[in-house]
């Protein structure tokens, strides 16, 4: 099978990381194992956080800004690493345990709340010990226990060789990873935040974060609208009551729209159907470039290549001469590959998002919906012209 190029970090974060490296080299003498690196919003890096130079001033820029709030750069063990918010969902991997495996914020916390919590985790003595185990030069297996939020290591050669040969020793609630002992990579930090920190944002929580940003740009309080719609008592956090089911057009909050490319708008929601007929996953369209034949959508999921687990961008390529092509058309190239959350675990049912979107047509298939309460906001904010230049295709 031909290997597809995978979407990565937000384009403007890359020069920000380079400049952060230069600043760190100039000013960094001795830092604790985990500390905040210069933020992309601080003086000297502010230019790189200006989304308008890339996306104009319409709804695409609003969505992009909300997306970039899900990334942050830290100095970890002397290395500058840009982290993305992990995926996290209540009760995920709890099928073989007697506990519900709740996550911080229920998978619905805001990026600001999550980064505050992550900062504390990265400064903890336990995370420092974890970094030490990853940097001691010894090959090993790291086992995580989700119910107890703990980790342990084994340098047993037989166990290592068994895992490397394909005999995975883990369980859903007790994942195991192989490390070389040569230092921490972003995916190692992700593993700790996911398994020990037990925090992150789920797919519907991320979509809600984007929708809230669109609403706020038009001076609309989406949380207030949701609270009133759901009849929530004062003081309850409305986002905790949002799941992928919330975007189902049967709820009356969204309406299904024709999935022809020319009909799509930034802020439209992709709902992926499962084999039981329910919608299991949601993501949001950031931009449609009719001239270049490129759709960019954003999502939070852990069924992806290791370096993309959590919040990430995804790309669909299409023939610009065929703007009325349906998203279900197999001629489209969905570049987003899918993968197991941890190496050795069973692979997902579909190779890429395109296969997943086209599945289960007999029971309705996946659909595109538009959030009714924001249709006027999207119209007022405006979108980039179809000929505008976005980031280069991938």
Protein backbone atom coordinates (compact mmCIF):
# COMPACT_ATOMS: atom_id res chain seq x y z
CA UNK A 1 0.00 0.00 0.00
CA UNK A 2 1.32 3.44 -0.89
CA UNK A 3 2.40 5.44 2.12
CA UNK A 4 0.53 8.73 2.44
CA UNK A 5 2.02 11.86 3.93
CA UNK A 6 0.58 12.61 7.33
CA UNK A 7 -0.60 16.00 8.51
CA UNK A 8 1.50 17.35 11.38
CA UNK A 9 1.81 20.40 13.59
CA UNK A 10 0.08 23.69 12.73
CA UNK A 11 2.26 25.29 10.01
CA UNK A 12 3.14 28.43 11.95
CA UNK A 13 4.24 26.48 15.02
CA UNK A 14 7.28 25.18 13.17
CA UNK A 15 9.13 28.53 12.89
CA UNK A 16 7.96 29.28 16.43
CA UNK A 17 9.66 26.11 17.64
CA UNK A 18 12.87 27.08 15.78
CA UNK A 19 12.91 30.54 17.33
CA UNK A 20 12.14 29.05 20.73
CA UNK A 21 15.18 26.79 20.28
CA UNK A 22 17.40 29.79 19.57
CA UNK A 23 16.07 31.65 22.60
CA UNK A 24 16.52 28.61 24.79
CA UNK A 25 20.10 28.15 23.60
CA UNK A 26 20.83 31.76 24.42
CA UNK A 27 19.19 31.95 27.83
CA UNK A 28 18.83 28.39 29.11
CA UNK A 29 21.52 27.49 31.66
CA UNK A 30 19.98 24.94 34.00
CA UNK A 31 16.31 24.08 34.07
CA UNK A 32 14.26 21.54 35.97
CA UNK A 33 13.25 18.46 34.04
CA UNK A 34 9.98 20.06 32.94
CA UNK A 35 9.32 23.77 32.71
CA UNK A 36 7.41 26.10 30.43
CA UNK A 37 9.30 27.20 27.33
CA UNK A 38 8.69 30.59 25.74
CA UNK A 39 5.07 30.68 24.62
CA UNK A 40 4.22 31.46 21.01
CA UNK A 41 2.27 34.45 22.33
CA UNK A 42 5.22 36.10 24.13
CA UNK A 43 7.27 39.00 22.67
CA UNK A 44 9.55 37.83 19.87
CA UNK A 45 7.19 35.00 18.94
CA UNK A 46 3.96 36.95 18.65
CA UNK A 47 4.28 37.28 14.89
CA UNK A 48 4.09 33.53 14.52
CA UNK A 49 0.78 33.38 16.39
CA UNK A 50 -0.95 35.81 14.01
CA UNK A 51 -3.35 33.55 12.15
CA UNK A 52 -4.68 36.41 9.99
CA UNK A 53 -1.55 36.40 7.82
CA UNK A 54 -2.35 32.83 6.86
CA UNK A 55 -6.13 32.63 7.15
CA UNK A 56 -7.49 36.18 6.87
CA UNK A 57 -10.02 37.48 9.37
CA UNK A 58 -13.01 35.21 8.77
CA UNK A 59 -14.26 32.04 10.38
CA UNK A 60 -11.26 30.01 9.17
CA UNK A 61 -8.98 32.22 11.27
CA UNK A 62 -11.26 31.86 14.30
CA UNK A 63 -11.16 28.08 14.02
CA UNK A 64 -7.40 28.05 13.48
CA UNK A 65 -6.82 30.14 16.59
CA UNK A 66 -8.96 27.75 18.64
CA UNK A 67 -6.95 24.84 17.21
CA UNK A 68 -3.60 26.39 18.12
CA UNK A 69 -4.74 26.78 21.71
CA UNK A 70 -4.41 22.99 21.87
CA UNK A 71 -0.61 23.14 21.44
CA UNK A 72 2.05 24.36 23.83
CA UNK A 73 5.84 24.29 23.94
CA UNK A 74 7.76 23.15 27.02
CA UNK A 75 11.38 22.59 27.98
CA UNK A 76 11.41 18.97 29.15
CA UNK A 77 14.63 17.42 30.38
CA UNK A 78 16.59 20.11 28.56
CA UNK A 79 14.80 19.56 25.25
CA UNK A 80 12.21 21.82 23.65
CA UNK A 81 9.09 19.79 22.89
CA UNK A 82 5.81 21.00 21.44
CA UNK A 83 2.95 19.02 22.96
CA UNK A 84 -0.61 18.63 21.74
CA UNK A 85 -3.59 18.07 24.01
CA UNK A 86 -4.13 14.34 24.45
CA UNK A 87 -7.35 12.58 23.62
CA UNK A 88 -9.24 11.49 26.72
CA UNK A 89 -12.73 10.11 27.19
CA UNK A 90 -14.59 8.96 30.29
CA UNK A 91 -14.70 5.17 30.67
CA UNK A 92 -12.48 4.50 27.66
CA UNK A 93 -10.63 1.19 28.23
CA UNK A 94 -12.79 0.31 31.22
CA UNK A 95 -14.37 -2.81 29.69
CA UNK A 96 -12.16 -5.22 31.68
CA UNK A 97 -12.04 -3.25 34.92
CA UNK A 98 -14.48 -2.68 37.76
CA UNK A 99 -14.02 1.10 37.64
CA UNK A 100 -15.24 3.73 35.17
CA UNK A 101 -11.80 5.26 34.54
CA UNK A 102 -12.94 8.87 34.65
CA UNK A 103 -10.72 11.57 33.16
CA UNK A 104 -10.08 15.11 34.37
CA UNK A 105 -12.88 17.35 33.14
CA UNK A 106 -14.71 14.42 31.59
CA UNK A 107 -12.94 15.06 28.28
CA UNK A 108 -14.72 18.44 28.03
CA UNK A 109 -12.36 20.82 29.85
CA UNK A 110 -11.08 23.87 28.00
CA UNK A 111 -7.51 23.93 26.66
CA UNK A 112 -6.58 26.60 29.23
CA UNK A 113 -7.81 24.40 32.09
CA UNK A 114 -6.01 21.37 30.69
CA UNK A 115 -2.70 23.17 30.17
CA UNK A 116 -2.81 24.41 33.76
CA UNK A 117 -3.25 20.82 34.93
CA UNK A 118 -0.57 19.55 32.55
CA UNK A 119 1.90 22.14 33.83
CA UNK A 120 1.46 20.77 37.33
CA UNK A 121 1.89 17.19 36.14
CA UNK A 122 5.10 17.98 34.25
CA UNK A 123 6.54 19.60 37.38
CA UNK A 124 5.72 16.61 39.62
CA UNK A 125 8.37 14.35 41.20
CA UNK A 126 6.73 11.27 39.64
CA UNK A 127 7.06 12.70 36.12
CA UNK A 128 10.69 13.54 36.88
CA UNK A 129 11.25 9.89 37.83
CA UNK A 130 9.54 8.82 34.62
CA UNK A 131 11.89 11.03 32.59
CA UNK A 132 14.81 9.46 34.41
CA UNK A 133 13.67 6.00 33.38
CA UNK A 134 13.41 7.16 29.77
CA UNK A 135 16.91 8.66 29.82
CA UNK A 136 19.06 6.11 31.66
CA UNK A 137 20.38 4.46 28.50
CA UNK A 138 18.72 1.11 29.22
CA UNK A 139 16.20 -0.53 26.91
CA UNK A 140 13.04 -1.46 28.76
CA UNK A 141 9.28 -1.93 28.79
CA UNK A 142 7.11 0.66 30.50
CA UNK A 143 3.78 -0.60 31.82
CA UNK A 144 0.98 1.81 32.71
CA UNK A 145 -1.92 0.98 35.02
CA UNK A 146 -4.89 3.25 34.29
CA UNK A 147 -7.03 2.41 37.36
CA UNK A 148 -4.20 3.29 39.76
CA UNK A 149 -2.59 5.97 37.56
CA UNK A 150 0.84 4.43 38.02
CA UNK A 151 3.69 3.12 35.87
CA UNK A 152 6.48 0.58 36.22
CA UNK A 153 9.42 -0.67 34.15
CA UNK A 154 11.02 -3.97 33.27
CA UNK A 155 14.44 -4.60 31.73
CA UNK A 156 13.79 -8.33 31.43
CA UNK A 157 15.35 -9.32 28.09
CA UNK A 158 12.92 -12.17 27.48
CA UNK A 159 9.90 -9.89 27.98
CA UNK A 160 11.40 -7.25 25.69
CA UNK A 161 12.12 -9.76 22.94
CA UNK A 162 8.63 -11.24 23.19
CA UNK A 163 7.07 -7.82 22.70
CA UNK A 164 9.40 -6.93 19.83
CA UNK A 165 8.45 -10.20 18.14
CA UNK A 166 4.79 -9.18 18.16
CA UNK A 167 3.54 -10.80 21.38
CA UNK A 168 1.94 -7.79 23.04
CA UNK A 169 1.75 -8.23 26.86
CA UNK A 170 -0.64 -5.38 27.62
CA UNK A 171 -4.35 -5.10 28.32
CA UNK A 172 -6.71 -2.23 27.39
CA UNK A 173 -6.41 -0.72 30.88
CA UNK A 174 -2.74 -1.71 31.23
CA UNK A 175 -0.87 -0.63 28.07
CA UNK A 176 2.79 -1.48 27.63
CA UNK A 177 5.34 0.39 25.49
CA UNK A 178 8.93 -0.29 24.50
CA UNK A 179 11.51 2.48 25.07
CA UNK A 180 15.22 2.65 24.31
CA UNK A 181 16.30 4.75 27.31
CA UNK A 182 17.68 7.49 25.06
CA UNK A 183 15.39 10.28 26.24
CA UNK A 184 11.79 11.44 26.08
CA UNK A 185 9.95 12.17 22.85
CA UNK A 186 6.55 13.91 22.60
CA UNK A 187 4.81 10.53 22.33
CA UNK A 188 6.41 9.46 25.63
CA UNK A 189 5.01 12.55 27.32
CA UNK A 190 1.65 11.82 25.69
CA UNK A 191 1.67 8.29 27.15
CA UNK A 192 2.23 9.66 30.65
CA UNK A 193 -0.43 12.35 30.37
CA UNK A 194 -2.93 9.87 28.96
CA UNK A 195 -2.25 6.98 31.35
CA UNK A 196 -1.10 8.65 34.58
CA UNK A 197 -2.41 12.19 34.25
CA UNK A 198 -5.72 10.86 32.90
CA UNK A 199 -6.61 14.09 31.17
CA UNK A 200 -7.28 15.41 27.70
CA UNK A 201 -10.12 16.36 25.39
CA UNK A 202 -12.44 14.00 23.52
CA UNK A 203 -13.76 14.44 19.99
CA UNK A 204 -17.04 16.15 20.89
CA UNK A 205 -15.33 18.28 23.53
CA UNK A 206 -12.87 19.56 20.94
CA UNK A 207 -15.66 20.30 18.44
CA UNK A 208 -17.51 22.19 21.19
CA UNK A 209 -14.35 24.20 21.92
CA UNK A 210 -14.22 25.25 18.25
CA UNK A 211 -17.94 26.05 18.10
CA UNK A 212 -17.62 28.17 21.25
CA UNK A 213 -14.80 30.11 19.61
CA UNK A 214 -16.91 30.81 16.53
CA UNK A 215 -19.78 31.96 18.73
CA UNK A 216 -17.53 34.16 20.88
CA UNK A 217 -16.12 35.84 17.78
CA UNK A 218 -19.70 36.90 17.01
CA UNK A 219 -20.36 37.81 20.68
CA UNK A 220 -22.61 34.81 21.28
CA UNK A 221 -22.35 32.82 24.56
CA UNK A 222 -22.75 29.23 23.42
CA UNK A 223 -22.48 27.82 26.95
CA UNK A 224 -25.42 29.97 28.00
CA UNK A 225 -27.45 28.79 25.02
CA UNK A 226 -26.66 25.15 25.83
CA UNK A 227 -27.48 25.60 29.51
CA UNK A 228 -30.83 27.12 28.66
CA UNK A 229 -31.53 24.44 26.03
CA UNK A 230 -30.74 21.63 28.45
CA UNK A 231 -32.46 23.25 31.44
CA UNK A 232 -29.29 23.01 33.52
CA UNK A 233 -29.18 24.43 37.05
CA UNK A 234 -27.09 27.56 37.48
CA UNK A 235 -23.45 26.72 38.15
CA UNK A 236 -23.40 23.51 36.14
CA UNK A 237 -20.79 23.43 33.36
CA UNK A 238 -22.73 23.05 30.08
CA UNK A 239 -19.86 21.51 28.11
CA UNK A 240 -19.97 18.41 30.35
CA UNK A 241 -23.31 17.56 28.77
CA UNK A 242 -22.03 17.60 25.17
CA UNK A 243 -21.29 14.33 23.39
CA UNK A 244 -21.22 13.32 19.73
CA UNK A 245 -24.90 12.45 20.19
CA UNK A 246 -25.51 16.16 20.82
CA UNK A 247 -24.71 16.95 17.18
CA UNK A 248 -27.17 14.37 15.82
CA UNK A 249 -29.67 16.22 13.60
CA UNK A 250 -32.47 14.31 15.33
CA UNK A 251 -31.75 16.48 18.38
CA UNK A 252 -32.92 19.53 16.44
CA UNK A 253 -29.69 21.43 17.22
CA UNK A 254 -28.05 20.65 13.89
CA UNK A 255 -29.27 20.04 10.38
CA UNK A 256 -27.82 17.62 7.87
CA UNK A 257 -26.39 19.33 4.81
CA UNK A 258 -25.54 18.09 1.34
CA UNK A 259 -22.01 16.70 1.53
CA UNK A 260 -20.97 17.96 -1.92
CA UNK A 261 -17.68 19.83 -1.50
CA UNK A 262 -18.96 23.11 -2.97
CA UNK A 263 -21.72 23.14 -0.33
CA UNK A 264 -19.42 22.79 2.68
CA UNK A 265 -18.54 25.62 5.06
CA UNK A 266 -15.93 26.08 7.80
CA UNK A 267 -17.53 25.03 11.07
CA UNK A 268 -19.48 22.16 9.50
CA UNK A 269 -19.26 18.97 11.56
CA UNK A 270 -18.41 15.52 10.21
CA UNK A 271 -20.26 12.74 12.06
CA UNK A 272 -18.85 9.24 11.61
CA UNK A 273 -21.36 6.45 12.07
CA UNK A 274 -20.62 3.17 13.83
CA UNK A 275 -21.82 -0.32 12.99
CA UNK A 276 -24.66 -0.03 15.52
CA UNK A 277 -26.06 2.97 13.62
CA UNK A 278 -25.09 5.60 16.19
CA UNK A 279 -22.59 8.39 15.61
CA UNK A 280 -19.31 7.54 17.32
CA UNK A 281 -16.94 10.32 16.26
CA UNK A 282 -17.13 14.00 15.38
CA UNK A 283 -14.69 16.50 13.88
CA UNK A 284 -14.94 19.98 12.39
CA UNK A 285 -14.07 21.50 9.01
CA UNK A 286 -11.59 24.38 9.21
CA UNK A 287 -11.30 25.34 5.53
CA UNK A 288 -12.25 24.38 1.97
CA UNK A 289 -9.92 25.51 -0.81
CA UNK A 290 -11.85 25.00 -4.05
CA UNK A 291 -8.96 26.29 -6.15
CA UNK A 292 -6.34 23.91 -4.76
CA UNK A 293 -8.68 21.00 -4.12
CA UNK A 294 -8.04 20.75 -0.38
CA UNK A 295 -10.27 20.36 2.68
CA UNK A 296 -8.72 20.72 6.12
CA UNK A 297 -10.61 19.33 9.11
CA UNK A 298 -9.61 19.11 12.77
CA UNK A 299 -10.22 16.42 15.36
CA UNK A 300 -9.20 14.81 18.62
CA UNK A 301 -8.73 11.06 18.56
CA UNK A 302 -6.20 8.47 19.69
CA UNK A 303 -6.81 6.11 16.75
CA UNK A 304 -4.13 7.70 14.61
CA UNK A 305 -0.37 7.49 13.96
CA UNK A 306 1.51 7.78 17.27
CA UNK A 307 2.82 11.28 16.63
CA UNK A 308 -0.70 12.57 15.89
CA UNK A 309 -2.62 11.13 18.83
CA UNK A 310 -4.77 13.80 20.42
CA UNK A 311 -5.74 17.04 18.69
CA UNK A 312 -4.51 17.18 15.08
CA UNK A 313 -5.29 18.38 11.58
CA UNK A 314 -6.43 16.12 8.75
CA UNK A 315 -6.57 16.66 4.99
CA UNK A 316 -8.83 15.63 2.11
CA UNK A 317 -7.64 16.19 -1.47
CA UNK A 318 -10.05 16.45 -4.40
CA UNK A 319 -10.12 17.45 -8.06
CA UNK A 320 -10.77 21.22 -8.25
CA UNK A 321 -12.60 20.63 -11.53
CA UNK A 322 -15.21 18.56 -9.65
CA UNK A 323 -16.48 20.76 -6.78
CA UNK A 324 -19.78 18.89 -6.64
CA UNK A 325 -18.10 15.64 -5.61
CA UNK A 326 -19.62 14.03 -2.51
CA UNK A 327 -17.43 13.27 0.49
CA UNK A 328 -18.54 9.68 0.01
CA UNK A 329 -16.94 9.54 -3.44
CA UNK A 330 -14.00 7.07 -3.40
CA UNK A 331 -12.03 9.34 -5.75
CA UNK A 332 -11.25 11.66 -2.83
CA UNK A 333 -7.92 11.18 -1.08
CA UNK A 334 -8.34 11.22 2.68
CA UNK A 335 -4.77 11.54 3.95
CA UNK A 336 -5.58 10.86 7.59
CA UNK A 337 -4.37 7.38 8.44
CA UNK A 338 -5.73 5.51 11.45
CA UNK A 339 -3.74 3.40 13.87
CA UNK A 340 -3.67 1.68 17.23
CA UNK A 341 -3.26 3.92 20.27
CA UNK A 342 -0.29 1.88 21.49
CA UNK A 343 2.00 -0.26 19.27
CA UNK A 344 0.97 -3.90 19.52
CA UNK A 345 -2.71 -3.26 20.18
CA UNK A 346 -5.29 -4.28 17.56
CA UNK A 347 -5.49 -1.94 14.59
CA UNK A 348 -8.72 0.03 13.99
CA UNK A 349 -11.28 -1.34 11.57
CA UNK A 350 -10.45 1.17 8.81
CA UNK A 351 -7.14 2.21 7.28
CA UNK A 352 -8.03 5.87 6.91
CA UNK A 353 -10.82 8.35 7.62
CA UNK A 354 -12.14 8.01 4.09
CA UNK A 355 -12.89 4.32 4.54
CA UNK A 356 -14.55 5.11 7.82
CA UNK A 357 -16.68 7.92 6.37
CA UNK A 358 -17.88 5.72 3.49
CA UNK A 359 -18.78 2.79 5.77
CA UNK A 360 -22.24 1.65 6.88
CA UNK A 361 -24.14 3.26 4.01
CA UNK A 362 -26.94 0.72 4.42
CA UNK A 363 -27.80 2.26 7.80
CA UNK A 364 -27.34 5.88 6.81
CA UNK A 365 -23.58 6.26 6.72
CA UNK A 366 -21.58 9.21 7.95
CA UNK A 367 -22.96 12.71 7.39
CA UNK A 368 -22.17 16.43 7.51
CA UNK A 369 -24.20 18.65 9.82
CA UNK A 370 -24.37 22.38 10.52
CA UNK A 371 -24.97 23.81 13.99
CA UNK A 372 -28.17 25.85 13.64
CA UNK A 373 -27.40 28.39 16.35
CA UNK A 374 -24.18 29.41 14.57
CA UNK A 375 -25.31 29.66 10.95
CA UNK A 376 -25.81 33.42 11.18
CA UNK A 377 -22.52 33.82 13.04
CA UNK A 378 -20.60 32.01 10.29
CA UNK A 379 -22.31 34.20 7.69
CA UNK A 380 -21.45 37.39 9.59
CA UNK A 381 -17.85 36.38 10.18
CA UNK A 382 -17.42 35.46 6.54
CA UNK A 383 -15.09 32.97 4.90
CA UNK A 384 -12.02 33.27 2.72
CA UNK A 385 -12.60 33.45 -1.03
CA UNK A 386 -12.34 30.06 -2.71
CA UNK A 387 -9.20 31.23 -4.50
CA UNK A 388 -7.43 32.36 -1.32
CA UNK A 389 -4.16 30.73 -0.53
CA UNK A 390 -4.00 28.57 2.59
CA UNK A 391 -1.09 26.49 3.89
CA UNK A 392 0.49 24.26 1.27
CA UNK A 393 -1.16 20.91 0.69
CA UNK A 394 0.17 17.75 2.27
